[in-house]
């Protein structure tokens, strides 16, 4: 890039002009790869961010350059407008900071020179350790690289070799590596699931939520969920984790049956942690009128405080594909129903500024 060239107008353009190859990953509701074309459309305000989280687009940038020993990784979040499209002034400010860092030393205009622009930058974030493990596992698969050093021990553990009570010696990264390679480990995962203690079960579920869990794995997950539903006092953390593991499953009949059973359960359907797991990880289900109706009825239960109702609904109404089905269900609610009353309070508390009209 020279002084005479036009300033890049998008983040992708700027980074690619520095000589790096880019891979992009959504780091919000689900860790998944983003196609370059899709992200460029988003940067140009042509499309909305498909699954916003807290009104932001959260993503990871993996950059490779020829001759570099290691890839460079950035984690960024950018604010979205009322249609979940990019707030371009925020992105432009970030670009200006990158350009300033670049021009500071034009003789070494590579991605490493841009790293200084990230210091104390409000657009950067550090993912939680569990999400970071999932990210690294997915990257190693996409780049066709070896999994982490924890992988072999994790395989042994899921085969039951050291004993199911020896879970504390299994690194989380190894569990993430297994989940990211679920197609190679379907039998291993399915056979291990009924034996796992709560801690490794929850960890595995949190990794599987990012994968298209097939029928072979969805079946034992659903069986474990049924066991929770049949107990006098279900374990909320395990229930929420199992729902998360099934939230992206390709076995839709099993998935639908599991979520329907939970939303009809006398106690689980009125637990804010369970409902938060559904809204955060199974938001696509709420595009279906029947699931939207059941979810809103559960959310309007007396055990859920108005603040909890407001927070979950506010977040969901910001997701482009979910807003219209939810709004239709809300408008069709009987005038004196619990859902209608809660929605009226929601509109009052947001002062009419939310996307509820």
Protein backbone atom coordinates (compact mmCIF):
# COMPACT_ATOMS: atom_id res chain seq x y z
CA UNK A 1 0.00 0.00 0.00
CA UNK A 2 1.36 3.44 -0.93
CA UNK A 3 0.46 7.00 -0.09
CA UNK A 4 -1.15 7.38 -3.51
CA UNK A 5 -3.53 4.46 -3.14
CA UNK A 6 -7.06 4.99 -1.95
CA UNK A 7 -7.66 4.27 1.71
CA UNK A 8 -9.31 0.86 2.24
CA UNK A 9 -13.00 1.17 3.02
CA UNK A 10 -13.46 -2.21 4.71
CA UNK A 11 -11.58 -4.20 7.30
CA UNK A 12 -11.19 -7.10 4.88
CA UNK A 13 -9.71 -4.84 2.21
CA UNK A 14 -7.25 -3.29 4.64
CA UNK A 15 -6.00 -6.60 5.99
CA UNK A 16 -5.80 -8.31 2.61
CA UNK A 17 -3.79 -5.36 1.28
CA UNK A 18 -1.32 -6.05 4.07
CA UNK A 19 -0.68 -9.42 2.47
CA UNK A 20 -2.56 -11.77 4.78
CA UNK A 21 -5.11 -14.46 4.05
CA UNK A 22 -8.17 -14.15 6.27
CA UNK A 23 -10.49 -16.64 7.91
CA UNK A 24 -13.46 -15.33 9.88
CA UNK A 25 -15.43 -16.91 12.71
CA UNK A 26 -18.59 -15.85 14.47
CA UNK A 27 -17.83 -15.82 18.20
CA UNK A 28 -21.27 -14.83 19.48
CA UNK A 29 -24.13 -17.26 19.98
CA UNK A 30 -22.29 -20.06 18.23
CA UNK A 31 -18.69 -20.47 17.11
CA UNK A 32 -18.86 -21.00 13.37
CA UNK A 33 -17.03 -20.07 10.22
CA UNK A 34 -18.15 -16.98 8.30
CA UNK A 35 -17.67 -16.82 4.55
CA UNK A 36 -15.59 -13.92 3.28
CA UNK A 37 -18.33 -12.84 0.85
CA UNK A 38 -20.92 -12.78 3.63
CA UNK A 39 -18.71 -10.68 5.91
CA UNK A 40 -17.92 -8.25 3.11
CA UNK A 41 -21.65 -7.79 2.46
CA UNK A 42 -22.08 -7.10 6.16
CA UNK A 43 -19.25 -4.56 6.12
CA UNK A 44 -20.89 -2.78 3.20
CA UNK A 45 -24.24 -2.66 5.07
CA UNK A 46 -25.78 -4.99 2.50
CA UNK A 47 -26.95 -7.56 5.05
CA UNK A 48 -27.68 -7.76 8.77
CA UNK A 49 -25.50 -9.72 11.18
CA UNK A 50 -27.40 -13.03 11.28
CA UNK A 51 -27.22 -13.74 15.01
CA UNK A 52 -26.40 -10.65 17.12
CA UNK A 53 -25.53 -11.05 20.77
CA UNK A 54 -26.10 -8.07 23.06
CA UNK A 55 -26.54 -5.86 19.96
CA UNK A 56 -23.03 -6.58 18.80
CA UNK A 57 -21.33 -8.63 16.09
CA UNK A 58 -18.66 -10.75 17.80
CA UNK A 59 -16.07 -12.37 15.55
CA UNK A 60 -12.57 -13.74 15.32
CA UNK A 61 -10.10 -12.96 12.55
CA UNK A 62 -7.41 -15.51 11.76
CA UNK A 63 -4.67 -14.17 9.50
CA UNK A 64 -2.03 -16.20 7.68
CA UNK A 65 0.90 -14.75 5.77
CA UNK A 66 3.58 -16.41 3.68
CA UNK A 67 6.71 -17.15 5.63
CA UNK A 68 5.13 -16.57 9.03
CA UNK A 69 5.62 -19.33 11.57
CA UNK A 70 2.29 -18.74 13.29
CA UNK A 71 -1.09 -17.31 12.42
CA UNK A 72 -2.25 -14.06 13.97
CA UNK A 73 -5.65 -13.90 15.68
CA UNK A 74 -7.80 -10.93 16.57
CA UNK A 75 -11.10 -10.97 18.41
CA UNK A 76 -13.32 -7.98 17.67
CA UNK A 77 -16.86 -6.80 18.33
CA UNK A 78 -18.69 -4.07 16.46
CA UNK A 79 -21.99 -2.34 17.34
CA UNK A 80 -25.11 -2.89 15.27
CA UNK A 81 -27.97 -0.55 14.40
CA UNK A 82 -31.70 -1.20 14.84
CA UNK A 83 -31.72 -3.55 11.83
CA UNK A 84 -28.67 -5.46 13.12
CA UNK A 85 -26.54 -3.87 10.41
CA UNK A 86 -23.06 -2.54 10.99
CA UNK A 87 -22.74 0.88 12.63
CA UNK A 88 -20.21 2.01 10.08
CA UNK A 89 -18.71 5.00 11.98
CA UNK A 90 -17.50 2.58 14.66
CA UNK A 91 -15.87 0.34 12.06
CA UNK A 92 -14.40 3.40 10.29
CA UNK A 93 -12.87 4.61 13.55
CA UNK A 94 -11.26 1.21 14.00
CA UNK A 95 -9.94 1.34 10.43
CA UNK A 96 -8.44 4.77 11.01
CA UNK A 97 -6.53 3.47 14.01
CA UNK A 98 -5.21 0.57 11.96
CA UNK A 99 -4.17 2.89 9.14
CA UNK A 100 -2.36 5.19 11.56
CA UNK A 101 -0.41 2.23 12.92
CA UNK A 102 0.34 1.09 9.39
CA UNK A 103 1.58 4.48 8.23
CA UNK A 104 3.69 4.90 11.34
CA UNK A 105 6.15 2.48 9.86
CA UNK A 106 5.46 2.01 6.17
CA UNK A 107 8.71 0.14 5.69
CA UNK A 108 7.23 -2.82 7.60
CA UNK A 109 3.62 -2.65 6.46
CA UNK A 110 2.51 -6.14 7.40
CA UNK A 111 -0.11 -7.48 9.79
CA UNK A 112 2.34 -7.41 12.70
CA UNK A 113 2.59 -3.64 12.41
CA UNK A 114 -1.18 -3.39 12.81
CA UNK A 115 -1.08 -5.20 16.14
CA UNK A 116 -0.24 -1.97 18.00
CA UNK A 117 -3.57 -0.50 16.92
CA UNK A 118 -5.36 -3.12 19.01
CA UNK A 119 -3.88 -1.94 22.28
CA UNK A 120 -6.58 -0.40 24.48
CA UNK A 121 -8.99 -0.58 21.56
CA UNK A 122 -12.67 -0.72 22.59
CA UNK A 123 -13.43 -3.03 19.65
CA UNK A 124 -11.28 -5.88 20.97
CA UNK A 125 -12.29 -8.54 23.48
CA UNK A 126 -10.94 -11.70 25.04
CA UNK A 127 -13.22 -14.75 24.70
CA UNK A 128 -13.91 -16.95 27.72
CA UNK A 129 -11.53 -19.89 28.03
CA UNK A 130 -14.15 -22.43 26.98
CA UNK A 131 -15.06 -20.46 23.84
CA UNK A 132 -11.39 -20.00 23.06
CA UNK A 133 -10.89 -23.76 23.27
CA UNK A 134 -13.74 -24.32 20.81
CA UNK A 135 -12.29 -21.69 18.47
CA UNK A 136 -8.84 -23.29 18.49
CA UNK A 137 -10.36 -26.74 17.93
CA UNK A 138 -12.31 -25.52 14.91
CA UNK A 139 -9.30 -23.69 13.50
CA UNK A 140 -7.13 -26.81 13.75
CA UNK A 141 -9.77 -28.73 11.79
CA UNK A 142 -10.17 -26.01 9.14
CA UNK A 143 -6.40 -25.65 8.68
CA UNK A 144 -5.94 -29.43 8.69
CA UNK A 145 -3.55 -29.19 11.61
CA UNK A 146 -2.89 -31.55 14.47
CA UNK A 147 -5.19 -31.19 17.50
CA UNK A 148 -3.85 -30.13 20.87
CA UNK A 149 -1.68 -32.22 23.16
CA UNK A 150 -4.80 -32.94 25.24
CA UNK A 151 -6.52 -34.78 22.39
CA UNK A 152 -5.09 -38.27 22.94
CA UNK A 153 -5.89 -38.26 26.65
CA UNK A 154 -9.42 -37.03 25.93
CA UNK A 155 -9.94 -39.93 23.54
CA UNK A 156 -8.77 -42.36 26.19
CA UNK A 157 -11.13 -40.81 28.72
CA UNK A 158 -14.14 -41.02 26.38
CA UNK A 159 -13.24 -44.67 25.84
CA UNK A 160 -13.50 -45.14 29.62
CA UNK A 161 -9.90 -46.32 30.00
CA UNK A 162 -8.79 -44.31 33.05
CA UNK A 163 -12.24 -44.55 34.69
CA UNK A 164 -15.15 -42.10 34.42
CA UNK A 165 -14.25 -40.54 37.75
CA UNK A 166 -10.87 -39.40 36.36
CA UNK A 167 -12.39 -36.47 34.48
CA UNK A 168 -10.37 -33.82 36.37
CA UNK A 169 -7.27 -34.86 34.41
CA UNK A 170 -8.91 -34.23 31.03
CA UNK A 171 -8.04 -30.86 29.53
CA UNK A 172 -10.96 -28.78 28.25
CA UNK A 173 -9.08 -28.26 24.99
CA UNK A 174 -9.08 -32.02 24.46
CA UNK A 175 -12.86 -32.16 24.90
CA UNK A 176 -13.22 -29.30 22.41
CA UNK A 177 -10.97 -31.16 19.95
CA UNK A 178 -13.18 -34.26 20.23
CA UNK A 179 -16.35 -32.23 19.69
CA UNK A 180 -14.94 -30.38 16.67
CA UNK A 181 -14.14 -33.78 15.16
CA UNK A 182 -17.47 -35.33 16.13
CA UNK A 183 -17.83 -37.02 12.73
CA UNK A 184 -14.76 -39.14 13.55
CA UNK A 185 -15.96 -39.88 17.08
CA UNK A 186 -19.71 -40.49 16.79
CA UNK A 187 -19.56 -43.97 18.35
CA UNK A 188 -17.07 -42.90 21.02
CA UNK A 189 -19.17 -39.90 22.11
CA UNK A 190 -22.48 -41.76 21.99
CA UNK A 191 -21.10 -44.64 24.06
CA UNK A 192 -19.52 -42.32 26.64
CA UNK A 193 -22.48 -39.98 27.20
CA UNK A 194 -24.49 -42.22 29.59
CA UNK A 195 -21.41 -42.65 31.82
CA UNK A 196 -20.12 -39.10 32.08
CA UNK A 197 -20.20 -37.33 35.46
CA UNK A 198 -21.87 -33.89 35.45
CA UNK A 199 -18.69 -31.84 34.96
CA UNK A 200 -17.35 -33.47 31.76
CA UNK A 201 -20.90 -33.92 30.47
CA UNK A 202 -21.58 -30.18 30.74
CA UNK A 203 -18.20 -29.35 29.17
CA UNK A 204 -18.88 -31.67 26.24
CA UNK A 205 -22.37 -30.24 25.75
CA UNK A 206 -21.02 -26.70 25.67
CA UNK A 207 -18.66 -27.76 22.89
CA UNK A 208 -21.25 -29.75 20.95
CA UNK A 209 -23.60 -26.74 20.81
CA UNK A 210 -21.41 -25.42 18.00
CA UNK A 211 -21.78 -28.57 15.88
CA UNK A 212 -24.46 -30.18 13.72
CA UNK A 213 -24.92 -33.02 16.18
CA UNK A 214 -26.11 -36.10 14.24
CA UNK A 215 -28.80 -38.60 15.18
CA UNK A 216 -26.27 -41.01 16.73
CA UNK A 217 -25.21 -38.42 19.32
CA UNK A 218 -28.55 -36.64 19.65
CA UNK A 219 -30.24 -39.88 20.75
CA UNK A 220 -28.24 -40.39 24.01
CA UNK A 221 -28.34 -36.63 24.67
CA UNK A 222 -32.13 -36.71 24.46
CA UNK A 223 -32.24 -39.77 26.71
CA UNK A 224 -30.21 -37.96 29.36
CA UNK A 225 -32.58 -35.01 29.05
CA UNK A 226 -35.60 -37.30 29.53
CA UNK A 227 -34.00 -38.62 32.70
CA UNK A 228 -33.78 -35.06 34.02
CA UNK A 229 -37.42 -34.42 33.12
CA UNK A 230 -38.49 -37.52 35.02
CA UNK A 231 -36.66 -36.69 38.26
CA UNK A 232 -38.40 -34.90 41.12
CA UNK A 233 -35.81 -32.14 41.15
CA UNK A 234 -34.06 -31.81 37.77
CA UNK A 235 -30.50 -30.51 37.67
CA UNK A 236 -30.80 -27.08 36.03
CA UNK A 237 -27.18 -26.86 34.87
CA UNK A 238 -27.27 -30.28 33.22
CA UNK A 239 -30.67 -29.63 31.68
CA UNK A 240 -29.53 -26.32 30.19
CA UNK A 241 -26.32 -27.91 28.91
CA UNK A 242 -28.17 -30.79 27.24
CA UNK A 243 -30.50 -28.32 25.54
CA UNK A 244 -27.50 -26.37 24.30
CA UNK A 245 -25.93 -29.55 22.92
CA UNK A 246 -29.12 -30.30 20.97
CA UNK A 247 -29.67 -26.71 19.83
CA UNK A 248 -27.78 -27.08 16.55
CA UNK A 249 -28.54 -30.74 15.92
CA UNK A 250 -29.28 -32.04 12.45
CA UNK A 251 -31.63 -34.59 14.06
CA UNK A 252 -34.53 -32.13 14.01
CA UNK A 253 -37.25 -34.53 15.14
CA UNK A 254 -35.27 -35.42 18.27
CA UNK A 255 -34.39 -31.78 18.81
CA UNK A 256 -37.98 -30.55 18.48
CA UNK A 257 -39.32 -33.24 20.80
CA UNK A 258 -36.70 -32.41 23.44
CA UNK A 259 -37.38 -28.68 23.45
CA UNK A 260 -41.13 -29.17 23.39
CA UNK A 261 -40.91 -31.47 26.42
CA UNK A 262 -38.87 -28.92 28.37
CA UNK A 263 -41.20 -26.03 27.49
CA UNK A 264 -44.13 -28.08 28.75
CA UNK A 265 -42.41 -29.22 31.95
CA UNK A 266 -44.05 -27.87 35.14
CA UNK A 267 -40.82 -26.55 36.69
CA UNK A 268 -38.14 -26.40 34.00
CA UNK A 269 -40.31 -24.25 31.74
CA UNK A 270 -40.36 -21.55 34.40
CA UNK A 271 -36.65 -21.53 35.19
CA UNK A 272 -34.82 -18.47 33.89
CA UNK A 273 -31.55 -20.39 33.35
CA UNK A 274 -33.27 -22.92 31.12
CA UNK A 275 -35.10 -20.23 29.17
CA UNK A 276 -31.89 -18.23 28.82
CA UNK A 277 -30.18 -21.31 27.34
CA UNK A 278 -33.00 -21.65 24.81
CA UNK A 279 -32.96 -17.98 23.81
CA UNK A 280 -29.16 -17.84 23.56
CA UNK A 281 -28.49 -21.10 21.73
CA UNK A 282 -31.75 -22.32 20.17
CA UNK A 283 -33.02 -19.03 18.81
CA UNK A 284 -33.76 -20.53 15.36
CA UNK A 285 -36.48 -22.69 16.88
CA UNK A 286 -38.34 -19.55 17.90
CA UNK A 287 -38.91 -18.74 14.23
CA UNK A 288 -41.57 -21.47 14.36
CA UNK A 289 -44.92 -20.13 15.66
CA UNK A 290 -45.61 -23.02 18.02
CA UNK A 291 -42.22 -22.81 19.69
CA UNK A 292 -42.50 -19.02 19.88
CA UNK A 293 -45.86 -19.38 21.62
CA UNK A 294 -44.62 -21.97 24.13
CA UNK A 295 -41.47 -19.99 24.86
CA UNK A 296 -43.32 -16.72 25.49
CA UNK A 297 -45.86 -18.45 27.72
CA UNK A 298 -43.03 -19.95 29.75
CA UNK A 299 -41.23 -16.61 29.91
CA UNK A 300 -44.39 -14.91 31.21
CA UNK A 301 -44.69 -17.38 34.10
CA UNK A 302 -45.07 -15.87 37.57
CA UNK A 303 -41.72 -17.34 38.63
CA UNK A 304 -39.89 -15.20 36.05
CA UNK A 305 -39.34 -11.60 37.11
CA UNK A 306 -40.22 -8.82 34.69
CA UNK A 307 -36.54 -7.95 34.39
CA UNK A 308 -35.77 -11.45 33.14
CA UNK A 309 -38.64 -11.28 30.66
CA UNK A 310 -37.41 -7.90 29.40
CA UNK A 311 -33.79 -8.96 29.00
CA UNK A 312 -34.46 -12.13 27.04
CA UNK A 313 -37.14 -10.58 24.85
CA UNK A 314 -35.03 -7.51 24.17
CA UNK A 315 -32.13 -9.69 23.02
CA UNK A 316 -34.32 -11.91 20.83
CA UNK A 317 -36.12 -9.03 19.12
CA UNK A 318 -32.77 -7.82 17.90
CA UNK A 319 -32.18 -11.03 15.87
CA UNK A 320 -33.43 -10.38 12.31
CA UNK A 321 -34.97 -13.81 11.67
CA UNK A 322 -36.59 -14.10 15.10
CA UNK A 323 -38.14 -10.67 15.58
CA UNK A 324 -41.11 -11.05 13.19
CA UNK A 325 -42.30 -14.48 14.45
CA UNK A 326 -42.05 -13.31 18.06
CA UNK A 327 -43.83 -10.04 17.35
CA UNK A 328 -46.62 -11.88 15.54
CA UNK A 329 -47.08 -14.19 18.51
CA UNK A 330 -47.02 -11.28 20.93
CA UNK A 331 -49.67 -9.39 18.96
CA UNK A 332 -51.89 -12.48 18.78
CA UNK A 333 -51.79 -13.04 22.56
CA UNK A 334 -55.12 -12.65 24.32
CA UNK A 335 -55.54 -9.16 25.76
CA UNK A 336 -55.54 -10.19 29.42
CA UNK A 337 -53.12 -13.08 29.10
CA UNK A 338 -49.88 -13.20 31.09
CA UNK A 339 -47.88 -12.75 27.88
CA UNK A 340 -49.83 -9.63 26.87
CA UNK A 341 -49.46 -8.09 30.32
CA UNK A 342 -45.74 -8.76 30.42
CA UNK A 343 -45.33 -7.32 26.93
CA UNK A 344 -47.12 -4.13 27.94
CA UNK A 345 -44.73 -3.76 30.86
CA UNK A 346 -41.84 -4.44 28.51
CA UNK A 347 -42.91 -1.61 26.20
CA UNK A 348 -43.25 0.77 29.13
CA UNK A 349 -39.83 -0.11 30.52
CA UNK A 350 -38.13 0.39 27.16
CA UNK A 351 -39.91 3.68 26.56
CA UNK A 352 -40.91 2.66 23.05
CA UNK A 353 -37.28 2.75 21.95
CA UNK A 354 -36.90 -0.96 21.40
CA UNK A 355 -37.66 -2.86 18.24
CA UNK A 356 -41.11 -3.83 19.51
CA UNK A 357 -43.30 -1.94 17.13
